[in-house]
N, C-alpha and C. Protein backbone atom coordinates (compact mmCIF):
# COMPACT_ATOMS: atom_id res chain seq x y z
N MET A 1 0.82 -1.21 0.00
CA MET A 1 0.00 0.00 0.00
C MET A 1 0.86 1.25 0.00
N GLN A 2 1.90 1.25 0.80
CA GLN A 2 2.78 2.41 0.87
C GLN A 2 3.42 2.69 -0.48
N ASN A 3 3.84 1.62 -1.17
CA ASN A 3 4.45 1.80 -2.49
C ASN A 3 3.45 2.37 -3.49
N LEU A 4 2.16 1.99 -3.36
CA LEU A 4 1.14 2.50 -4.26
C LEU A 4 0.94 4.00 -4.07
N ILE A 5 0.93 4.44 -2.81
CA ILE A 5 0.74 5.87 -2.51
C ILE A 5 1.90 6.69 -3.07
N LEU A 6 3.13 6.18 -2.89
CA LEU A 6 4.30 6.89 -3.40
C LEU A 6 4.26 6.98 -4.93
N LEU A 7 3.77 5.89 -5.59
CA LEU A 7 3.66 5.89 -7.05
C LEU A 7 2.66 6.93 -7.53
N LEU A 8 1.51 7.04 -6.84
CA LEU A 8 0.51 8.01 -7.22
C LEU A 8 1.01 9.45 -7.07
N LEU A 9 1.75 9.69 -5.99
CA LEU A 9 2.32 11.03 -5.77
C LEU A 9 3.31 11.38 -6.86
N ALA A 10 4.13 10.41 -7.26
CA ALA A 10 5.12 10.64 -8.32
C ALA A 10 4.44 10.93 -9.64
N LEU A 11 3.35 10.18 -9.95
CA LEU A 11 2.63 10.41 -11.20
C LEU A 11 2.00 11.82 -11.22
N ASN A 12 1.44 12.24 -10.08
CA ASN A 12 0.84 13.58 -10.01
C ASN A 12 1.89 14.67 -10.22
N ALA A 13 3.05 14.50 -9.63
CA ALA A 13 4.12 15.48 -9.79
C ALA A 13 4.58 15.54 -11.23
N PHE A 14 4.71 14.34 -11.88
CA PHE A 14 5.14 14.28 -13.28
C PHE A 14 4.12 14.97 -14.17
N TYR A 15 2.82 14.76 -13.89
CA TYR A 15 1.78 15.36 -14.73
C TYR A 15 1.79 16.89 -14.60
N LEU A 16 2.04 17.36 -13.40
CA LEU A 16 2.07 18.81 -13.18
C LEU A 16 3.21 19.44 -13.96
N VAL A 17 4.39 18.84 -13.88
CA VAL A 17 5.55 19.37 -14.59
C VAL A 17 5.31 19.33 -16.09
N TRP A 18 4.78 18.22 -16.59
CA TRP A 18 4.53 18.07 -18.03
C TRP A 18 3.52 19.11 -18.52
N SER A 19 2.49 19.37 -17.68
CA SER A 19 1.46 20.34 -18.08
C SER A 19 2.04 21.74 -18.18
N LEU A 20 2.92 22.07 -17.23
CA LEU A 20 3.49 23.42 -17.23
C LEU A 20 4.46 23.64 -18.39
N ILE A 21 5.18 22.60 -18.77
CA ILE A 21 6.24 22.76 -19.76
C ILE A 21 5.76 22.47 -21.17
N PHE A 22 5.00 21.40 -21.37
CA PHE A 22 4.70 20.92 -22.71
C PHE A 22 3.27 21.18 -23.17
N SER A 23 2.36 21.33 -22.25
CA SER A 23 0.97 21.46 -22.70
C SER A 23 0.68 22.86 -23.21
N ASP A 24 0.06 22.94 -24.43
CA ASP A 24 -0.29 24.24 -25.01
C ASP A 24 -1.66 24.69 -24.53
N LYS A 25 -2.29 23.91 -23.65
CA LYS A 25 -3.59 24.27 -23.11
C LYS A 25 -3.49 24.98 -21.76
N TYR A 26 -2.27 25.12 -21.24
CA TYR A 26 -2.10 25.77 -19.95
C TYR A 26 -2.42 27.26 -20.08
N VAL A 27 -3.27 27.77 -19.21
CA VAL A 27 -3.66 29.18 -19.22
C VAL A 27 -3.19 29.83 -17.93
N ALA A 28 -2.43 30.90 -18.07
CA ALA A 28 -1.92 31.61 -16.89
C ALA A 28 -3.07 32.29 -16.17
N PRO A 29 -3.01 32.38 -14.86
CA PRO A 29 -4.08 33.04 -14.10
C PRO A 29 -4.17 34.51 -14.48
N PRO A 30 -5.36 35.11 -14.48
CA PRO A 30 -5.53 36.52 -14.87
C PRO A 30 -4.81 37.45 -13.91
N ARG A 31 -4.30 38.56 -14.47
CA ARG A 31 -3.61 39.54 -13.65
C ARG A 31 -4.58 40.42 -12.87
N THR A 32 -5.82 40.52 -13.33
CA THR A 32 -6.82 41.31 -12.63
C THR A 32 -8.10 40.52 -12.48
N MET A 33 -8.94 40.97 -11.55
CA MET A 33 -10.23 40.34 -11.34
C MET A 33 -11.30 41.19 -11.99
N GLU A 34 -12.33 40.55 -12.45
CA GLU A 34 -13.40 41.26 -13.13
C GLU A 34 -14.06 42.25 -12.17
N GLY A 35 -14.22 43.49 -12.65
CA GLY A 35 -14.86 44.51 -11.83
C GLY A 35 -13.91 45.24 -10.90
N VAL A 36 -12.65 44.81 -10.81
CA VAL A 36 -11.67 45.45 -9.92
C VAL A 36 -10.61 46.11 -10.79
N PRO A 37 -10.48 47.45 -10.74
CA PRO A 37 -9.48 48.12 -11.58
C PRO A 37 -8.07 47.76 -11.16
N PRO A 38 -7.16 47.68 -12.13
CA PRO A 38 -5.77 47.33 -11.80
C PRO A 38 -5.08 48.45 -11.05
N LEU A 39 -4.10 48.11 -10.24
CA LEU A 39 -3.31 49.08 -9.50
C LEU A 39 -2.24 49.64 -10.41
N VAL A 40 -2.25 50.98 -10.55
CA VAL A 40 -1.28 51.65 -11.41
C VAL A 40 -0.40 52.55 -10.56
N LEU A 41 0.89 52.37 -10.62
CA LEU A 41 1.82 53.19 -9.86
C LEU A 41 2.16 54.44 -10.64
N LEU A 42 1.99 55.60 -10.00
CA LEU A 42 2.30 56.86 -10.66
C LEU A 42 3.79 57.15 -10.56
N PRO A 43 4.40 57.68 -11.63
CA PRO A 43 5.78 58.14 -11.54
C PRO A 43 5.88 59.26 -10.52
N PRO A 44 7.03 59.45 -9.86
CA PRO A 44 7.16 60.49 -8.84
C PRO A 44 6.74 61.86 -9.32
N ASP A 45 7.01 62.20 -10.59
CA ASP A 45 6.69 63.54 -11.08
C ASP A 45 5.21 63.70 -11.39
N LYS A 46 4.42 62.62 -11.27
CA LYS A 46 2.99 62.69 -11.55
C LYS A 46 2.16 62.68 -10.27
N ILE A 47 2.79 62.53 -9.11
CA ILE A 47 2.06 62.49 -7.84
C ILE A 47 1.68 63.92 -7.47
N THR A 48 0.41 64.17 -7.21
CA THR A 48 -0.08 65.51 -6.92
C THR A 48 -0.37 65.66 -5.43
N ASN A 49 -0.66 66.91 -5.04
CA ASN A 49 -1.00 67.18 -3.65
C ASN A 49 -2.24 66.41 -3.23
N ARG A 50 -3.19 66.24 -4.16
CA ARG A 50 -4.42 65.51 -3.85
C ARG A 50 -4.12 64.04 -3.52
N ASP A 51 -3.09 63.46 -4.18
CA ASP A 51 -2.78 62.04 -3.98
C ASP A 51 -2.20 61.79 -2.59
N LEU A 52 -1.47 62.77 -2.05
CA LEU A 52 -0.76 62.55 -0.80
C LEU A 52 -1.42 63.20 0.41
N LYS A 53 -2.23 64.24 0.21
CA LYS A 53 -2.76 65.02 1.30
C LYS A 53 -3.74 64.21 2.13
N ASN A 54 -3.59 64.25 3.45
CA ASN A 54 -4.58 63.59 4.29
C ASN A 54 -5.05 64.47 5.43
N ARG A 55 -4.58 65.73 5.49
CA ARG A 55 -5.04 66.67 6.51
C ARG A 55 -5.14 68.06 5.90
N CYS A 56 -6.22 68.75 6.20
CA CYS A 56 -6.38 70.13 5.73
C CYS A 56 -6.71 71.03 6.91
N TYR A 57 -6.24 72.27 6.84
CA TYR A 57 -6.43 73.22 7.93
C TYR A 57 -6.81 74.59 7.39
N THR A 58 -7.40 75.40 8.27
CA THR A 58 -7.63 76.81 8.03
C THR A 58 -6.88 77.58 9.10
N LEU A 59 -6.07 78.53 8.67
CA LEU A 59 -5.22 79.30 9.58
C LEU A 59 -5.64 80.76 9.56
N GLY A 60 -5.85 81.35 10.74
CA GLY A 60 -6.23 82.76 10.79
C GLY A 60 -6.97 83.10 12.06
N PRO A 61 -7.60 84.27 12.14
CA PRO A 61 -7.64 85.28 11.07
C PRO A 61 -6.43 86.20 11.10
N PHE A 62 -6.03 86.69 9.93
CA PHE A 62 -4.96 87.67 9.81
C PHE A 62 -5.59 89.04 9.58
N ASN A 63 -5.08 90.05 10.29
CA ASN A 63 -5.65 91.39 10.18
C ASN A 63 -5.23 92.10 8.90
N THR A 64 -4.11 91.69 8.31
CA THR A 64 -3.66 92.34 7.08
C THR A 64 -3.43 91.29 6.00
N LYS A 65 -3.71 91.69 4.76
CA LYS A 65 -3.52 90.79 3.63
C LYS A 65 -2.04 90.50 3.42
N LYS A 66 -1.19 91.49 3.71
CA LYS A 66 0.25 91.32 3.51
C LYS A 66 0.78 90.17 4.36
N THR A 67 0.40 90.12 5.63
CA THR A 67 0.86 89.04 6.51
C THR A 67 0.37 87.69 6.01
N ALA A 68 -0.90 87.63 5.59
CA ALA A 68 -1.45 86.38 5.06
C ALA A 68 -0.68 85.93 3.82
N GLU A 69 -0.32 86.87 2.96
CA GLU A 69 0.42 86.53 1.73
C GLU A 69 1.81 86.00 2.06
N LEU A 70 2.48 86.58 3.05
CA LEU A 70 3.83 86.12 3.42
C LEU A 70 3.78 84.71 4.01
N VAL A 71 2.80 84.45 4.87
CA VAL A 71 2.67 83.10 5.46
C VAL A 71 2.29 82.10 4.38
N SER A 72 1.38 82.48 3.50
CA SER A 72 0.98 81.59 2.40
C SER A 72 2.16 81.27 1.50
N SER A 73 3.03 82.25 1.28
CA SER A 73 4.22 82.03 0.46
C SER A 73 5.15 81.00 1.10
N GLU A 74 5.30 81.06 2.42
CA GLU A 74 6.12 80.07 3.13
C GLU A 74 5.53 78.67 2.97
N ILE A 75 4.22 78.57 3.05
CA ILE A 75 3.56 77.27 2.89
C ILE A 75 3.78 76.73 1.48
N ASN A 76 3.63 77.60 0.49
CA ASN A 76 3.82 77.17 -0.91
C ASN A 76 5.27 76.77 -1.17
N ASN A 77 6.21 77.51 -0.59
CA ASN A 77 7.62 77.21 -0.80
C ASN A 77 8.02 75.87 -0.18
N SER A 78 7.24 75.40 0.78
CA SER A 78 7.53 74.10 1.40
C SER A 78 6.96 72.94 0.58
N GLY A 79 6.31 73.26 -0.55
CA GLY A 79 5.77 72.22 -1.42
C GLY A 79 4.30 71.91 -1.19
N LEU A 80 3.62 72.71 -0.37
CA LEU A 80 2.20 72.49 -0.09
C LEU A 80 1.35 73.51 -0.83
N LEU A 81 0.07 73.19 -0.98
CA LEU A 81 -0.87 74.10 -1.62
C LEU A 81 -1.57 74.94 -0.56
N SER A 82 -1.82 76.21 -0.86
CA SER A 82 -2.54 77.08 0.05
C SER A 82 -3.40 78.06 -0.73
N ASN A 83 -4.39 78.58 -0.05
CA ASN A 83 -5.31 79.53 -0.69
C ASN A 83 -5.72 80.57 0.34
N ILE A 84 -5.69 81.86 -0.05
CA ILE A 84 -6.08 82.95 0.84
C ILE A 84 -7.50 83.38 0.49
N ARG A 85 -8.32 83.57 1.51
CA ARG A 85 -9.67 84.08 1.27
C ARG A 85 -9.99 85.16 2.30
N ALA A 86 -10.72 86.16 1.85
CA ALA A 86 -11.10 87.28 2.70
C ALA A 86 -12.48 87.03 3.32
N GLN A 87 -12.68 87.60 4.50
CA GLN A 87 -13.96 87.44 5.18
C GLN A 87 -14.31 88.74 5.91
N GLN A 88 -15.55 89.18 5.77
CA GLN A 88 -16.02 90.35 6.48
C GLN A 88 -16.46 89.94 7.89
N THR A 89 -15.98 90.66 8.88
CA THR A 89 -16.33 90.35 10.26
C THR A 89 -16.50 91.65 11.03
N MET A 90 -16.91 91.53 12.28
CA MET A 90 -17.04 92.69 13.16
C MET A 90 -15.99 92.58 14.26
N ILE A 91 -15.29 93.67 14.52
CA ILE A 91 -14.29 93.66 15.58
C ILE A 91 -14.70 94.64 16.68
N THR A 92 -14.28 94.37 17.90
CA THR A 92 -14.59 95.23 19.03
C THR A 92 -13.58 96.36 19.13
N LEU A 93 -14.08 97.58 19.22
CA LEU A 93 -13.21 98.74 19.41
C LEU A 93 -12.95 98.98 20.89
N ASN A 94 -14.01 99.08 21.67
CA ASN A 94 -13.87 99.31 23.11
C ASN A 94 -15.21 99.04 23.80
N PHE A 95 -15.22 99.25 25.13
CA PHE A 95 -16.42 99.04 25.95
C PHE A 95 -16.72 100.33 26.73
N PRO A 96 -17.62 101.18 26.21
CA PRO A 96 -17.95 102.43 26.91
C PRO A 96 -18.87 102.18 28.12
N VAL A 97 -18.66 102.99 29.16
CA VAL A 97 -19.54 103.01 30.33
C VAL A 97 -20.26 104.35 30.32
N TYR A 98 -21.55 104.36 30.66
CA TYR A 98 -22.31 105.59 30.53
C TYR A 98 -23.54 105.60 31.44
N LEU A 99 -24.09 106.79 31.61
CA LEU A 99 -25.39 106.96 32.24
C LEU A 99 -26.37 107.41 31.16
N GLN A 100 -27.53 106.82 31.14
CA GLN A 100 -28.51 107.17 30.11
C GLN A 100 -28.92 108.64 30.23
N ALA A 101 -29.45 109.17 29.14
CA ALA A 101 -29.77 110.59 29.06
C ALA A 101 -30.72 111.03 30.17
N PHE A 102 -30.37 112.16 30.79
CA PHE A 102 -31.23 112.76 31.80
C PHE A 102 -32.25 113.67 31.10
N PRO A 103 -33.39 113.92 31.74
CA PRO A 103 -34.40 114.79 31.11
C PRO A 103 -33.88 116.19 30.82
N THR A 104 -33.02 116.72 31.68
CA THR A 104 -32.49 118.07 31.49
C THR A 104 -30.99 118.07 31.74
N ARG A 105 -30.35 119.12 31.23
CA ARG A 105 -28.91 119.26 31.46
C ARG A 105 -28.64 119.52 32.95
N LYS A 106 -29.54 120.24 33.61
CA LYS A 106 -29.34 120.55 35.02
C LYS A 106 -29.25 119.26 35.84
N GLU A 107 -30.08 118.28 35.51
CA GLU A 107 -30.04 117.00 36.23
C GLU A 107 -28.74 116.25 35.93
N ALA A 108 -28.27 116.36 34.67
CA ALA A 108 -27.00 115.72 34.32
C ALA A 108 -25.85 116.36 35.08
N GLU A 109 -25.87 117.70 35.23
CA GLU A 109 -24.81 118.39 35.97
C GLU A 109 -24.86 118.03 37.45
N SER A 110 -26.04 117.83 37.98
CA SER A 110 -26.18 117.43 39.38
C SER A 110 -25.57 116.04 39.60
N ALA A 111 -25.79 115.15 38.62
CA ALA A 111 -25.21 113.80 38.71
C ALA A 111 -23.69 113.87 38.67
N ILE A 112 -23.16 114.73 37.81
CA ILE A 112 -21.70 114.85 37.70
C ILE A 112 -21.11 115.36 39.01
N LYS A 113 -21.82 116.29 39.68
CA LYS A 113 -21.33 116.81 40.95
C LYS A 113 -21.14 115.68 41.96
N LYS A 114 -22.10 114.77 42.00
CA LYS A 114 -21.99 113.65 42.93
C LYS A 114 -20.88 112.70 42.52
N LEU A 115 -20.69 112.53 41.21
CA LEU A 115 -19.61 111.66 40.72
C LEU A 115 -18.25 112.23 41.11
N VAL A 116 -18.11 113.54 40.99
CA VAL A 116 -16.84 114.19 41.34
C VAL A 116 -16.56 114.04 42.83
N GLU A 117 -17.60 114.14 43.63
CA GLU A 117 -17.44 113.97 45.08
C GLU A 117 -16.91 112.59 45.41
N ASN A 118 -17.19 111.60 44.55
CA ASN A 118 -16.71 110.23 44.76
C ASN A 118 -15.46 109.93 43.93
N GLU A 119 -14.78 111.01 43.53
CA GLU A 119 -13.48 110.92 42.85
C GLU A 119 -13.55 110.25 41.48
N VAL A 120 -14.69 110.37 40.81
CA VAL A 120 -14.79 109.93 39.42
C VAL A 120 -14.25 111.06 38.55
N LYS A 121 -13.22 110.80 37.77
CA LYS A 121 -12.53 111.85 37.01
C LYS A 121 -12.86 111.83 35.52
N ASP A 122 -13.28 110.70 34.99
CA ASP A 122 -13.55 110.61 33.55
C ASP A 122 -15.05 110.70 33.32
N TYR A 123 -15.53 111.85 32.88
CA TYR A 123 -16.95 112.05 32.63
C TYR A 123 -17.12 113.11 31.55
N ASN A 124 -18.24 113.07 30.87
CA ASN A 124 -18.51 114.03 29.81
C ASN A 124 -20.00 114.01 29.49
N ILE A 125 -20.62 115.21 29.49
CA ILE A 125 -22.03 115.31 29.12
C ILE A 125 -22.13 115.40 27.60
N ILE A 126 -22.95 114.57 27.01
CA ILE A 126 -23.15 114.60 25.56
C ILE A 126 -24.08 115.77 25.23
N GLU A 127 -23.62 116.64 24.33
CA GLU A 127 -24.29 117.92 24.10
C GLU A 127 -25.46 117.84 23.13
N SER A 128 -25.43 116.91 22.18
CA SER A 128 -26.48 116.90 21.16
C SER A 128 -26.71 115.49 20.65
N GLY A 129 -27.71 115.38 19.78
CA GLY A 129 -27.99 114.09 19.18
C GLY A 129 -28.95 113.27 20.01
N PRO A 130 -29.15 112.01 19.61
CA PRO A 130 -30.12 111.15 20.32
C PRO A 130 -29.72 110.85 21.76
N TYR A 131 -28.44 111.07 22.11
CA TYR A 131 -27.99 110.79 23.47
C TYR A 131 -27.72 112.08 24.24
N LYS A 132 -28.38 113.14 23.85
CA LYS A 132 -28.19 114.43 24.52
C LYS A 132 -28.50 114.32 26.01
N ASN A 133 -27.61 114.87 26.83
CA ASN A 133 -27.68 114.87 28.29
C ASN A 133 -27.36 113.51 28.91
N ALA A 134 -26.90 112.57 28.11
CA ALA A 134 -26.34 111.34 28.68
C ALA A 134 -24.92 111.66 29.14
N ILE A 135 -24.39 110.83 30.02
CA ILE A 135 -23.06 111.08 30.56
C ILE A 135 -22.14 109.91 30.19
N SER A 136 -21.06 110.23 29.48
CA SER A 136 -20.05 109.23 29.15
C SER A 136 -19.09 109.12 30.32
N LEU A 137 -18.80 107.91 30.74
CA LEU A 137 -17.92 107.68 31.89
C LEU A 137 -16.65 106.94 31.49
N GLY A 138 -16.24 107.09 30.25
CA GLY A 138 -14.99 106.50 29.80
C GLY A 138 -15.20 105.22 29.00
N SER A 139 -14.17 104.85 28.24
CA SER A 139 -14.17 103.62 27.43
C SER A 139 -13.01 102.75 27.84
N PHE A 140 -13.21 101.45 27.80
CA PHE A 140 -12.21 100.49 28.26
C PHE A 140 -11.96 99.46 27.16
N ASP A 141 -10.71 99.00 27.09
CA ASP A 141 -10.37 97.99 26.10
C ASP A 141 -10.59 96.58 26.61
N ASP A 142 -11.05 96.47 27.84
CA ASP A 142 -11.27 95.16 28.46
C ASP A 142 -12.68 95.14 29.06
N LEU A 143 -13.42 94.07 28.77
CA LEU A 143 -14.80 93.97 29.22
C LEU A 143 -14.89 93.93 30.74
N ASP A 144 -13.98 93.23 31.39
CA ASP A 144 -14.01 93.14 32.85
C ASP A 144 -13.80 94.50 33.50
N LYS A 145 -12.92 95.32 32.93
CA LYS A 145 -12.69 96.67 33.48
C LYS A 145 -13.94 97.52 33.34
N ALA A 146 -14.59 97.43 32.19
CA ALA A 146 -15.84 98.18 31.99
C ALA A 146 -16.90 97.73 32.97
N ARG A 147 -17.01 96.44 33.19
CA ARG A 147 -18.02 95.90 34.10
C ARG A 147 -17.75 96.37 35.54
N ARG A 148 -16.49 96.32 35.97
CA ARG A 148 -16.16 96.74 37.33
C ARG A 148 -16.43 98.24 37.53
N HIS A 149 -16.11 99.05 36.51
CA HIS A 149 -16.35 100.48 36.64
C HIS A 149 -17.85 100.78 36.71
N ALA A 150 -18.65 100.07 35.92
CA ALA A 150 -20.10 100.26 35.97
C ALA A 150 -20.64 99.87 37.35
N GLU A 151 -20.13 98.81 37.93
CA GLU A 151 -20.56 98.39 39.26
C GLU A 151 -20.21 99.45 40.31
N TYR A 152 -19.05 100.07 40.15
CA TYR A 152 -18.63 101.12 41.07
C TYR A 152 -19.58 102.32 40.98
N ILE A 153 -19.99 102.71 39.78
CA ILE A 153 -20.91 103.82 39.60
C ILE A 153 -22.30 103.46 40.16
N ARG A 154 -22.70 102.21 40.00
CA ARG A 154 -23.99 101.77 40.55
C ARG A 154 -23.99 101.85 42.08
N TYR A 155 -22.83 101.59 42.66
CA TYR A 155 -22.71 101.66 44.12
C TYR A 155 -23.04 103.07 44.63
N MET A 156 -22.83 104.06 43.77
CA MET A 156 -23.15 105.45 44.14
C MET A 156 -24.64 105.76 43.97
N GLY A 157 -25.38 104.85 43.42
CA GLY A 157 -26.82 105.05 43.25
C GLY A 157 -27.26 105.38 41.84
N PHE A 158 -26.35 105.28 40.88
CA PHE A 158 -26.69 105.56 39.48
C PHE A 158 -26.84 104.25 38.70
N ASP A 159 -27.71 104.28 37.71
CA ASP A 159 -27.94 103.10 36.87
C ASP A 159 -26.92 103.09 35.72
N ALA A 160 -25.68 102.80 36.05
CA ALA A 160 -24.62 102.80 35.04
C ALA A 160 -24.75 101.58 34.14
N LYS A 161 -24.43 101.78 32.87
CA LYS A 161 -24.47 100.69 31.90
C LYS A 161 -23.17 100.67 31.11
N TYR A 162 -22.92 99.53 30.48
CA TYR A 162 -21.77 99.43 29.58
C TYR A 162 -22.22 98.73 28.31
N THR A 163 -21.54 99.03 27.24
CA THR A 163 -21.89 98.45 25.95
C THR A 163 -20.61 98.13 25.18
N GLU A 164 -20.77 97.63 24.00
CA GLU A 164 -19.63 97.26 23.16
C GLU A 164 -19.70 98.02 21.84
N GLN A 165 -18.64 98.72 21.51
CA GLN A 165 -18.57 99.40 20.22
C GLN A 165 -17.83 98.52 19.23
N ARG A 166 -18.46 98.29 18.07
CA ARG A 166 -17.87 97.41 17.07
C ARG A 166 -17.87 98.10 15.71
N LYS A 167 -17.04 97.59 14.82
CA LYS A 167 -17.02 98.09 13.46
C LYS A 167 -16.68 96.96 12.50
N PRO A 168 -17.11 97.05 11.24
CA PRO A 168 -16.80 96.00 10.27
C PRO A 168 -15.33 96.04 9.87
N LYS A 169 -14.78 94.88 9.63
CA LYS A 169 -13.37 94.78 9.21
C LYS A 169 -13.20 93.55 8.35
N GLU A 170 -12.30 93.64 7.38
CA GLU A 170 -11.99 92.50 6.52
C GLU A 170 -10.76 91.77 7.08
N VAL A 171 -10.91 90.49 7.33
CA VAL A 171 -9.80 89.67 7.80
C VAL A 171 -9.52 88.59 6.76
N TYR A 172 -8.40 87.88 6.94
CA TYR A 172 -7.96 86.92 5.93
C TYR A 172 -7.64 85.57 6.58
N TRP A 173 -8.02 84.51 5.87
CA TRP A 173 -7.78 83.14 6.31
C TRP A 173 -6.95 82.42 5.24
N ILE A 174 -6.14 81.46 5.67
CA ILE A 174 -5.35 80.63 4.76
C ILE A 174 -5.83 79.19 4.88
N ASP A 175 -6.28 78.63 3.77
CA ASP A 175 -6.62 77.21 3.71
C ASP A 175 -5.43 76.47 3.10
N TYR A 176 -4.99 75.39 3.74
CA TYR A 176 -3.86 74.64 3.21
C TYR A 176 -3.95 73.18 3.61
N GLY A 177 -3.23 72.33 2.88
CA GLY A 177 -3.21 70.91 3.17
C GLY A 177 -1.80 70.43 3.46
N GLU A 178 -1.68 69.47 4.36
CA GLU A 178 -0.38 68.87 4.68
C GLU A 178 -0.28 67.50 4.03
N LEU A 179 0.95 67.13 3.66
CA LEU A 179 1.19 65.87 2.96
C LEU A 179 1.66 64.79 3.93
N GLY A 180 0.96 63.68 3.92
CA GLY A 180 1.38 62.55 4.73
C GLY A 180 1.56 62.94 6.19
N SER A 181 2.71 62.58 6.74
CA SER A 181 3.00 62.88 8.14
C SER A 181 3.88 64.11 8.29
N ASN A 182 4.14 64.82 7.20
CA ASN A 182 5.01 65.99 7.26
C ASN A 182 4.19 67.23 7.62
N GLY A 183 4.26 67.63 8.89
CA GLY A 183 3.54 68.80 9.35
C GLY A 183 4.33 70.07 9.10
N ALA A 184 3.67 71.09 8.60
CA ALA A 184 4.34 72.37 8.33
C ALA A 184 4.39 73.20 9.60
N PRO A 185 5.54 73.83 9.91
CA PRO A 185 5.66 74.65 11.14
C PRO A 185 5.03 76.02 10.94
N VAL A 186 3.73 76.07 10.69
CA VAL A 186 3.06 77.32 10.36
C VAL A 186 3.10 78.31 11.52
N THR A 187 2.99 77.81 12.75
CA THR A 187 3.02 78.72 13.91
C THR A 187 4.35 79.45 13.99
N GLN A 188 5.42 78.75 13.73
CA GLN A 188 6.75 79.37 13.73
C GLN A 188 6.84 80.44 12.64
N TRP A 189 6.31 80.15 11.46
CA TRP A 189 6.35 81.12 10.36
C TRP A 189 5.55 82.37 10.72
N VAL A 190 4.39 82.17 11.32
CA VAL A 190 3.56 83.32 11.70
C VAL A 190 4.29 84.20 12.71
N ASN A 191 4.91 83.58 13.72
CA ASN A 191 5.63 84.34 14.75
C ASN A 191 6.82 85.10 14.16
N GLU A 192 7.49 84.50 13.18
CA GLU A 192 8.63 85.17 12.57
C GLU A 192 8.18 86.35 11.69
N ILE A 193 7.04 86.20 11.02
CA ILE A 193 6.56 87.25 10.12
C ILE A 193 5.87 88.37 10.89
N ASP A 194 5.04 88.02 11.85
CA ASP A 194 4.31 89.02 12.64
C ASP A 194 4.13 88.50 14.06
N PRO A 195 5.07 88.85 14.97
CA PRO A 195 4.98 88.35 16.36
C PRO A 195 3.71 88.77 17.08
N LYS A 196 3.03 89.82 16.62
CA LYS A 196 1.83 90.29 17.28
C LYS A 196 0.57 89.60 16.78
N ALA A 197 0.69 88.82 15.73
CA ALA A 197 -0.49 88.15 15.17
C ALA A 197 -1.01 87.09 16.13
N SER A 198 -2.32 87.05 16.28
CA SER A 198 -2.96 86.05 17.13
C SER A 198 -3.91 85.23 16.25
N VAL A 199 -3.44 84.04 15.86
CA VAL A 199 -4.22 83.21 14.94
C VAL A 199 -4.42 81.83 15.53
N GLN A 200 -5.32 81.09 14.95
CA GLN A 200 -5.58 79.72 15.34
C GLN A 200 -5.62 78.82 14.13
N ARG A 201 -5.31 77.54 14.34
CA ARG A 201 -5.36 76.57 13.25
C ARG A 201 -6.53 75.63 13.48
N ILE A 202 -7.42 75.57 12.48
CA ILE A 202 -8.64 74.79 12.60
C ILE A 202 -8.65 73.68 11.56
N VAL A 203 -8.97 72.48 11.98
CA VAL A 203 -9.11 71.37 11.02
C VAL A 203 -10.30 71.66 10.11
N SER A 204 -10.10 71.55 8.82
CA SER A 204 -11.16 71.90 7.87
C SER A 204 -11.28 70.84 6.78
N ARG A 205 -12.29 70.99 5.95
CA ARG A 205 -12.52 70.07 4.84
C ARG A 205 -11.55 70.39 3.70
N CYS A 206 -10.99 69.36 3.10
CA CYS A 206 -10.06 69.56 1.99
C CYS A 206 -10.84 69.95 0.74
N GLU A 207 -10.49 71.12 0.19
CA GLU A 207 -11.19 71.65 -0.98
C GLU A 207 -10.31 71.71 -2.22
N PHE A 208 -9.02 71.39 -2.11
CA PHE A 208 -8.14 71.46 -3.27
C PHE A 208 -7.11 70.36 -3.22
């Protein structure tokens, strides 16, 4: 029995070799499967940013277009794609503290007399317009300072208020993509170009 098994194995091996070498009916297995596109390797000079990019960001806002252009140029010089876009926004100028308009100027002057007695030095009666006879008590660049000053005026018995003065401004954002695991040192570039710039980097949808 053992000899029979060895003979069968030898015959199978012989048939396989004969089929591969001599048989004209041998068909090589297909290189691709039906419905599955073949894998094509791109030459290095044909690989684009879209092929390699796996992270996209938005950097900003920049107060001046010049700063945005310089940072964008650094990104482009590193081999990445970037795009600058402008956006209209509102920025805060300051936080004024005030007393609402009094019925008469005499009442406004009486209020100022009491304010002076409590060592309030920054005051001004508005002479005309819709806020005539209102009293300006100064403007602050910090909301907490404006709030504390209003509370101090209220302690004297006046209904002090504070508000926010804003104006429209055009700011600039940079959209860019990073390639693979190579992160661009954008924060360093921003600090070198404009140390006073205060920007943030936000993960965004890849658009290019």
